Amino acid sequence: MPANALRWIWLAVLTLAITFGLEAVQLPAALLIGPMAAGIIIALTGTRLTMPAFGRSIAQAVIGVMVAGTVTADLLVTFSARWPVFLASIVSVVAVSTLSGYVLARMKVLPATTAIWGSSAGAASAMVVMAQSYGADARLVGFMQYLRIIFVAGIAAVVARTVGGVTASTPAHTFFAAPDVVPALNAAAIAIGGSVIGKATRLPAGLLLGPLLLGAALHVAGVTFYVPAIVLALAYALLGWTIGLGFDRDVLLHAGRALLPVTTSILLLIGFCGLLAYALHVFAGIDPLTAYLATSPGGMDSIAIIAAAIDVDVPFIMALQTARLLVIMAIGPSLARLLANRLIRRDASSGQ
């Protein structure tokens, strides 16, 4: 057997072992963190493996379809009914998360675009893909995003257990359940068609945004589709491997040096979102647990699982989470470039 094939087999076995271990202790985002950790281990042993371009393309398209499935007509109705509340919340969280990234960049903890994308309060996988498309270091962005997922989902689970009586357990993944054929085929068609449209129109991050926009429009129009669990797990693995295999000792040391300031920025952002949730409760009459889960900065999948298990306004939570993600994906590239250029000009004027 070729040596390269043996390396991929070793990576797959290591990924399964780590992922199942993380799932056993109910760690949020295990399907993302497991492959990334396995990739880092392989990279640090000096084993040379590179994710082929088609692997990254598949991951982006599948994640785009997955996010599109959260956009529903009910979500739009919920948003239109409470748009001032949504707008104020989204602008506040985006502003604070962007400020957090700007401060990290100005302190030279991380490069400018990497700090800004890593601090963005959206779905982690989507933010990593977008960051990679715009030249940021996907390895460090992934480190920041997934670290925040662990904090956000863990704290949200504790709050939900304390206030709402929900446990932190996650439903078992039915990876090998027979899929509904037509919705699964629809998802495949959206992934392929959206990718083609995204590339043909030269849409920024088109392999992600093409399927996302096409899928969202079709979902609102009533087309049923879903990504089978095994396919989504594969996409997460491809993305995790892409990030993890790019790590080397220098990158890992950089991440280690950035751990304390990044963790501090995450906790400050979570604290701000807690205050925002309190304001929504006091001034908009939204129950505290709904407000807290709706404003939590990222980890949308984990928040959805927690919200579905307790008596909260799930449409409101998912509407706010999804709307914030779409806003960040729309303005994120321009915002990252603007702030990065500002920092470059500042450094140049100060002679640094």
Protein backbone atom coordinates (compact mmCIF):
# COMPACT_ATOMS: atom_id res chain seq x y z
CA MET A 1 0.00 0.00 0.00
CA PRO A 2 1.41 3.46 -0.90
CA ALA A 3 2.85 5.40 2.02
CA ASN A 4 0.52 8.35 1.39
CA ALA A 5 -2.55 6.08 1.63
CA LEU A 6 -1.30 4.73 4.96
CA ARG A 7 -0.95 8.30 6.25
CA TRP A 8 -4.58 9.07 5.36
CA ILE A 9 -5.73 5.84 7.03
CA TRP A 10 -3.79 6.76 10.16
CA LEU A 11 -5.36 10.25 10.09
CA ALA A 12 -8.88 8.75 9.75
CA VAL A 13 -8.34 6.28 12.61
CA LEU A 14 -6.93 8.98 14.87
CA THR A 15 -9.83 11.28 13.97
CA LEU A 16 -12.41 8.64 14.87
CA ALA A 17 -10.72 7.91 18.20
CA ILE A 18 -10.50 11.57 19.22
CA THR A 19 -13.99 12.46 17.98
CA PHE A 20 -15.67 9.56 19.78
CA GLY A 21 -13.78 10.51 22.93
CA LEU A 22 -14.95 14.11 22.69
CA GLU A 23 -18.52 12.98 22.00
CA ALA A 24 -18.37 10.69 25.05
CA VAL A 25 -17.64 13.67 27.32
CA GLN A 26 -20.25 15.75 25.45
CA LEU A 27 -17.80 18.39 24.25
CA PRO A 28 -19.50 20.88 21.92
CA ALA A 29 -18.42 20.86 18.26
CA ALA A 30 -16.70 17.46 18.62
CA LEU A 31 -17.23 16.73 14.92
CA LEU A 32 -15.16 19.81 14.09
CA ILE A 33 -12.61 19.76 16.87
CA GLY A 34 -11.84 16.02 16.59
CA PRO A 35 -10.60 16.13 12.96
CA MET A 36 -8.77 19.40 13.60
CA ALA A 37 -6.97 17.92 16.62
CA ALA A 38 -6.05 14.79 14.65
CA GLY A 39 -4.72 16.94 11.82
CA ILE A 40 -2.60 18.97 14.24
CA ILE A 41 -1.13 15.80 15.75
CA ILE A 42 -0.28 14.41 12.32
CA ALA A 43 1.25 17.72 11.23
CA LEU A 44 3.37 18.02 14.38
CA THR A 45 4.82 14.53 13.88
CA GLY A 46 6.32 15.80 10.63
CA THR A 47 4.03 13.69 8.44
CA ARG A 48 3.36 15.52 5.19
CA LEU A 49 -0.30 15.52 4.17
CA THR A 50 -2.14 18.19 2.23
CA MET A 51 -5.90 18.45 1.80
CA PRO A 52 -6.73 18.38 -1.94
CA ALA A 53 -8.62 21.39 -3.30
CA PHE A 54 -11.73 19.29 -4.02
CA GLY A 55 -11.92 18.36 -0.32
CA ARG A 56 -12.07 22.01 0.71
CA SER A 57 -14.65 22.68 -2.02
CA ILE A 58 -16.91 19.87 -0.81
CA ALA A 59 -16.71 21.11 2.79
CA GLN A 60 -17.63 24.67 1.80
CA ALA A 61 -20.60 23.62 -0.35
CA VAL A 62 -22.03 21.24 2.26
CA ILE A 63 -21.70 23.81 5.05
CA GLY A 64 -23.41 26.40 2.82
CA VAL A 65 -26.38 24.06 2.30
CA MET A 66 -26.51 23.28 6.01
CA VAL A 67 -26.71 26.97 6.94
CA ALA A 68 -29.32 27.55 4.20
CA GLY A 69 -31.57 25.00 5.86
CA THR A 70 -31.92 27.29 8.90
CA VAL A 71 -33.50 30.06 6.79
CA THR A 72 -37.26 29.52 6.78
CA ALA A 73 -40.39 31.54 6.09
CA ASP A 74 -41.18 31.43 9.83
CA LEU A 75 -37.80 32.97 10.50
CA LEU A 76 -38.57 35.85 8.14
CA VAL A 77 -41.98 36.37 9.80
CA THR A 78 -40.36 36.41 13.24
CA PHE A 79 -37.73 38.86 12.06
CA SER A 80 -40.22 41.24 10.45
CA ALA A 81 -42.39 41.26 13.58
CA ARG A 82 -39.52 42.25 15.86
CA TRP A 83 -37.02 43.84 13.52
CA PRO A 84 -36.03 46.74 15.84
CA VAL A 85 -35.06 44.28 18.58
CA PHE A 86 -33.19 42.09 16.11
CA LEU A 87 -31.38 45.02 14.53
CA ALA A 88 -30.26 46.48 17.86
CA SER A 89 -29.03 43.09 19.07
CA ILE A 90 -27.20 42.22 15.85
CA VAL A 91 -25.50 45.62 15.56
CA SER A 92 -24.43 45.49 19.22
CA VAL A 93 -22.90 42.01 19.04
CA VAL A 94 -21.21 42.64 15.68
CA ALA A 95 -19.78 45.92 16.97
CA VAL A 96 -18.39 44.42 20.18
CA SER A 97 -16.98 41.30 18.50
CA THR A 98 -15.34 43.46 15.81
CA LEU A 99 -13.92 45.78 18.46
CA SER A 100 -12.54 42.73 20.25
CA GLY A 101 -10.76 41.60 17.09
CA TYR A 102 -9.48 45.11 16.44
CA VAL A 103 -8.01 45.34 19.95
CA LEU A 104 -6.31 41.94 19.59
CA ALA A 105 -4.83 43.07 16.28
CA ARG A 106 -3.74 46.45 17.65
CA MET A 107 -2.04 44.70 20.57
CA LYS A 108 -0.31 42.54 17.91
CA VAL A 109 -1.61 39.36 19.53
CA LEU A 110 -2.70 38.20 16.06
CA PRO A 111 -2.54 39.54 12.49
CA ALA A 112 -5.32 42.03 11.73
CA THR A 113 -7.60 40.04 9.39
CA THR A 114 -7.07 36.86 11.41
CA ALA A 115 -8.05 38.57 14.68
CA ILE A 116 -11.16 40.15 13.12
CA TRP A 117 -12.42 36.95 11.46
CA GLY A 118 -11.59 34.90 14.54
CA SER A 119 -13.62 37.26 16.73
CA SER A 120 -16.66 37.29 14.41
CA ALA A 121 -19.73 35.99 16.25
CA GLY A 122 -21.07 33.69 13.54
CA ALA A 123 -21.10 29.97 12.82
CA ALA A 124 -17.52 28.80 13.30
CA SER A 125 -17.27 26.63 10.20
CA ALA A 126 -18.67 29.39 7.97
CA MET A 127 -16.32 31.97 9.48
CA VAL A 128 -13.28 29.74 8.90
CA VAL A 129 -14.26 29.18 5.27
CA MET A 130 -14.87 32.90 4.72
CA ALA A 131 -11.60 33.82 6.42
CA GLN A 132 -9.67 31.38 4.27
CA SER A 133 -11.25 32.83 1.14
CA TYR A 134 -10.10 36.33 2.14
CA GLY A 135 -6.51 35.51 2.99
CA ALA A 136 -6.67 35.24 6.78
CA ASP A 137 -4.86 32.41 8.58
CA ALA A 138 -7.57 29.74 8.78
CA ARG A 139 -5.57 27.82 11.38
CA LEU A 140 -5.64 30.63 13.93
CA VAL A 141 -9.18 31.67 12.99
CA GLY A 142 -10.27 28.08 13.63
CA PHE A 143 -8.44 28.08 16.96
CA MET A 144 -10.30 31.23 18.05
CA GLN A 145 -13.71 30.18 16.73
CA TYR A 146 -13.72 26.68 18.18
CA LEU A 147 -12.36 27.84 21.51
CA ARG A 148 -15.31 30.25 21.70
CA ILE A 149 -17.74 27.44 20.80
CA ILE A 150 -16.51 25.43 23.79
CA PHE A 151 -16.98 28.39 26.15
CA VAL A 152 -20.31 29.55 24.70
CA ALA A 153 -21.97 26.14 24.50
CA GLY A 154 -20.63 25.07 27.87
CA ILE A 155 -21.86 28.20 29.64
CA ALA A 156 -25.19 28.11 27.77
CA ALA A 157 -25.70 24.48 28.80
CA VAL A 158 -25.02 25.35 32.45
CA VAL A 159 -27.42 28.31 32.32
CA ALA A 160 -30.10 26.20 30.61
CA ARG A 161 -29.66 23.38 33.14
CA THR A 162 -29.86 25.82 36.06
CA VAL A 163 -32.81 27.87 34.77
CA GLY A 164 -34.63 25.47 32.47
CA GLY A 165 -33.71 22.07 33.82
CA VAL A 166 -32.12 20.78 30.60
CA THR A 167 -29.14 18.44 30.62
CA ALA A 168 -26.09 19.08 28.49
CA SER A 169 -26.42 15.79 26.63
CA THR A 170 -26.52 15.80 22.87
CA PRO A 171 -28.73 13.41 20.86
CA ALA A 172 -26.76 10.53 19.38
CA HIS A 173 -25.75 11.10 15.77
CA THR A 174 -27.62 8.68 13.53
CA PHE A 175 -24.85 8.55 10.98
CA PHE A 176 -25.98 5.41 9.25
CA ALA A 177 -29.73 5.95 9.25
CA ALA A 178 -31.25 5.62 5.80
CA PRO A 179 -31.80 9.17 4.47
CA ASP A 180 -34.97 10.46 2.84
CA VAL A 181 -33.84 10.16 -0.75
CA VAL A 182 -35.54 13.16 -2.35
CA PRO A 183 -34.53 15.79 0.27
CA ALA A 184 -30.97 14.42 0.28
CA LEU A 185 -30.82 14.58 -3.54
CA ASN A 186 -32.21 18.13 -3.38
CA ALA A 187 -29.38 19.07 -1.01
CA ALA A 188 -26.82 17.56 -3.38
CA ALA A 189 -28.31 19.47 -6.33
CA ILE A 190 -28.23 22.74 -4.35
CA ALA A 191 -24.60 22.15 -3.34
CA ILE A 192 -23.55 21.49 -6.94
CA GLY A 193 -25.73 24.17 -8.54
CA GLY A 194 -24.87 26.77 -5.93
CA SER A 195 -21.15 26.08 -6.31
CA VAL A 196 -21.39 26.51 -10.08
CA ILE A 197 -23.32 29.77 -9.68
CA GLY A 198 -20.90 31.03 -7.03
CA LYS A 199 -17.87 30.41 -9.27
CA ALA A 200 -19.54 31.67 -12.46
CA THR A 201 -20.60 34.95 -10.84
CA ARG A 202 -17.25 35.31 -9.02
CA LEU A 203 -19.14 35.71 -5.78
CA PRO A 204 -16.75 36.20 -2.84
CA ALA A 205 -16.36 32.84 -1.09
CA GLY A 206 -18.66 31.57 -3.85
CA LEU A 207 -18.32 27.88 -2.99
CA LEU A 208 -19.89 28.68 0.39
CA LEU A 209 -22.20 31.59 -0.40
CA GLY A 210 -23.50 30.19 -3.72
CA PRO A 211 -25.10 27.09 -2.13
CA LEU A 212 -26.14 29.15 0.90
CA LEU A 213 -28.03 31.81 -1.09
CA LEU A 214 -29.56 29.32 -3.53
CA GLY A 215 -30.56 26.97 -0.72
CA ALA A 216 -32.02 29.76 1.42
CA ALA A 217 -34.19 31.02 -1.48
CA LEU A 218 -35.44 27.51 -2.25
CA HIS A 219 -36.06 26.69 1.41
CA VAL A 220 -38.17 29.82 1.88
CA ALA A 221 -40.04 28.89 -1.32
CA GLY A 222 -40.96 25.53 0.21
CA VAL A 223 -38.36 23.16 -1.23
CA THR A 224 -37.44 20.46 1.28
CA PHE A 225 -33.82 19.41 1.62
CA TYR A 226 -31.43 18.25 4.28
CA VAL A 227 -27.83 17.18 4.59
CA PRO A 228 -27.54 13.59 5.92
CA ALA A 229 -25.62 13.35 9.18
CA ILE A 230 -22.85 11.24 7.65
CA VAL A 231 -22.31 13.79 4.87
CA LEU A 232 -22.24 16.70 7.31
CA ALA A 233 -19.75 14.79 9.50
CA LEU A 234 -17.57 14.22 6.43
CA ALA A 235 -17.70 17.94 5.58
CA TYR A 236 -16.71 18.83 9.13
CA ALA A 237 -13.86 16.31 8.92
CA LEU A 238 -12.59 17.77 5.63
CA LEU A 239 -12.68 21.27 7.08
CA GLY A 240 -11.04 20.16 10.33
CA TRP A 241 -8.29 18.34 8.46
CA THR A 242 -7.70 21.34 6.21
CA ILE A 243 -7.11 23.49 9.28
CA GLY A 244 -5.27 20.94 11.40
CA LEU A 245 -2.85 19.75 8.72
CA GLY A 246 -1.76 23.34 8.19
CA PHE A 247 -0.48 23.66 11.76
CA ASP A 248 3.20 23.49 12.52
CA ARG A 249 5.18 24.14 15.66
CA ASP A 250 5.43 27.89 15.00
CA VAL A 251 1.66 28.23 14.52
CA LEU A 252 0.94 26.17 17.62
CA LEU A 253 3.33 28.31 19.69
CA HIS A 254 1.62 31.43 18.34
CA ALA A 255 -1.78 30.04 19.34
CA GLY A 256 -0.42 29.21 22.80
CA ARG A 257 0.90 32.74 23.29
CA ALA A 258 -2.46 34.12 22.19
CA LEU A 259 -4.50 31.85 24.48
CA LEU A 260 -4.83 34.21 27.47
CA PRO A 261 -5.81 37.38 25.55
CA VAL A 262 -8.13 35.41 23.23
CA THR A 263 -9.81 33.70 26.20
CA THR A 264 -10.23 37.08 27.90
CA SER A 265 -11.84 38.56 24.79
CA ILE A 266 -14.21 35.56 24.55
CA LEU A 267 -15.33 35.90 28.18
CA LEU A 268 -15.84 39.66 27.77
CA LEU A 269 -17.97 39.06 24.67
CA ILE A 270 -20.05 36.42 26.48
CA GLY A 271 -20.48 38.83 29.38
CA PHE A 272 -21.62 41.60 27.05
CA CYS A 273 -24.15 39.25 25.43
CA GLY A 274 -25.43 38.38 28.90
CA LEU A 275 -26.02 42.09 29.57
CA LEU A 276 -27.71 42.40 26.18
CA ALA A 277 -29.97 39.47 27.06
CA TYR A 278 -30.91 41.21 30.31
CA ALA A 279 -31.76 44.37 28.37
CA LEU A 280 -33.97 42.37 25.98
CA HIS A 281 -35.75 40.90 28.99
CA VAL A 282 -36.30 44.25 30.70
CA PHE A 283 -37.12 46.45 27.71
CA ALA A 284 -38.61 43.99 25.19
CA GLY A 285 -40.34 41.57 27.56
CA ILE A 286 -38.48 38.50 26.26
CA ASP A 287 -38.06 35.73 28.82
CA PRO A 288 -34.48 35.63 30.20
CA LEU A 289 -33.50 32.19 28.93
CA THR A 290 -34.78 32.86 25.40
CA ALA A 291 -32.91 36.17 25.37
CA TYR A 292 -29.69 34.58 26.64
CA LEU A 293 -29.69 31.74 24.10
CA ALA A 294 -30.63 34.12 21.27
CA THR A 295 -27.76 36.50 21.99
CA SER A 296 -25.07 33.87 22.70
CA PRO A 297 -22.17 34.62 20.34
CA GLY A 298 -21.85 31.65 18.02
CA GLY A 299 -22.15 27.91 18.40
CA MET A 300 -25.50 27.97 16.57
CA ASP A 301 -25.79 24.17 16.35
CA SER A 302 -25.18 23.69 20.06
CA ILE A 303 -27.57 26.51 20.96
CA ALA A 304 -30.26 24.93 18.76
CA ILE A 305 -29.88 21.57 20.55
CA ILE A 306 -30.15 23.21 23.97
CA ALA A 307 -33.10 25.40 22.93
CA ALA A 308 -35.05 22.44 21.52
CA ALA A 309 -34.92 20.68 24.89
CA ILE A 310 -36.51 23.40 27.03
CA ASP A 311 -39.50 25.74 27.09
CA VAL A 312 -38.16 28.74 25.17
CA ASP A 313 -39.09 30.66 22.02
CA VAL A 314 -37.09 28.56 19.54
CA PRO A 315 -38.14 30.54 16.40
CA PHE A 316 -36.94 33.78 18.03
CA ILE A 317 -33.62 32.21 19.06
CA MET A 318 -32.90 30.71 15.64
CA ALA A 319 -34.10 33.83 13.82
CA LEU A 320 -31.69 36.05 15.75
CA GLN A 321 -28.79 33.60 15.49
CA THR A 322 -29.29 33.10 11.74
CA ALA A 323 -29.87 36.79 11.00
CA ARG A 324 -26.65 37.70 12.80
CA LEU A 325 -24.73 35.05 10.86
CA LEU A 326 -26.06 36.32 7.51
CA VAL A 327 -25.23 39.93 8.41
CA ILE A 328 -21.68 38.99 9.39
CA MET A 329 -21.21 37.00 6.19
CA ALA A 330 -22.48 39.98 4.18
CA ILE A 331 -20.41 42.72 5.80
CA GLY A 332 -17.52 40.69 7.24
CA PRO A 333 -15.16 40.91 4.23
CA SER A 334 -15.50 44.69 3.87
CA LEU A 335 -15.22 45.21 7.61
CA ALA A 336 -12.09 43.06 7.88
CA ARG A 337 -10.41 44.88 4.98
CA LEU A 338 -11.36 48.31 6.37
CA LEU A 339 -9.95 47.65 9.84
CA ALA A 340 -6.88 45.82 8.54
CA ASN A 341 -6.04 48.74 6.24
CA ARG A 342 -6.57 51.15 9.11
CA LEU A 343 -4.10 49.22 11.26
CA ILE A 344 -1.58 49.06 8.40
CA ARG A 345 -1.79 52.83 7.87
CA ARG A 346 -1.47 53.42 11.61
CA ASP A 347 1.65 51.24 11.83
CA ALA A 348 3.13 52.92 8.77
CA SER A 349 2.54 56.42 10.15
CA SER A 350 4.12 55.46 13.49
CA GLY A 351 7.15 53.96 11.75
CA GLN A 352 6.56 50.42 13.06
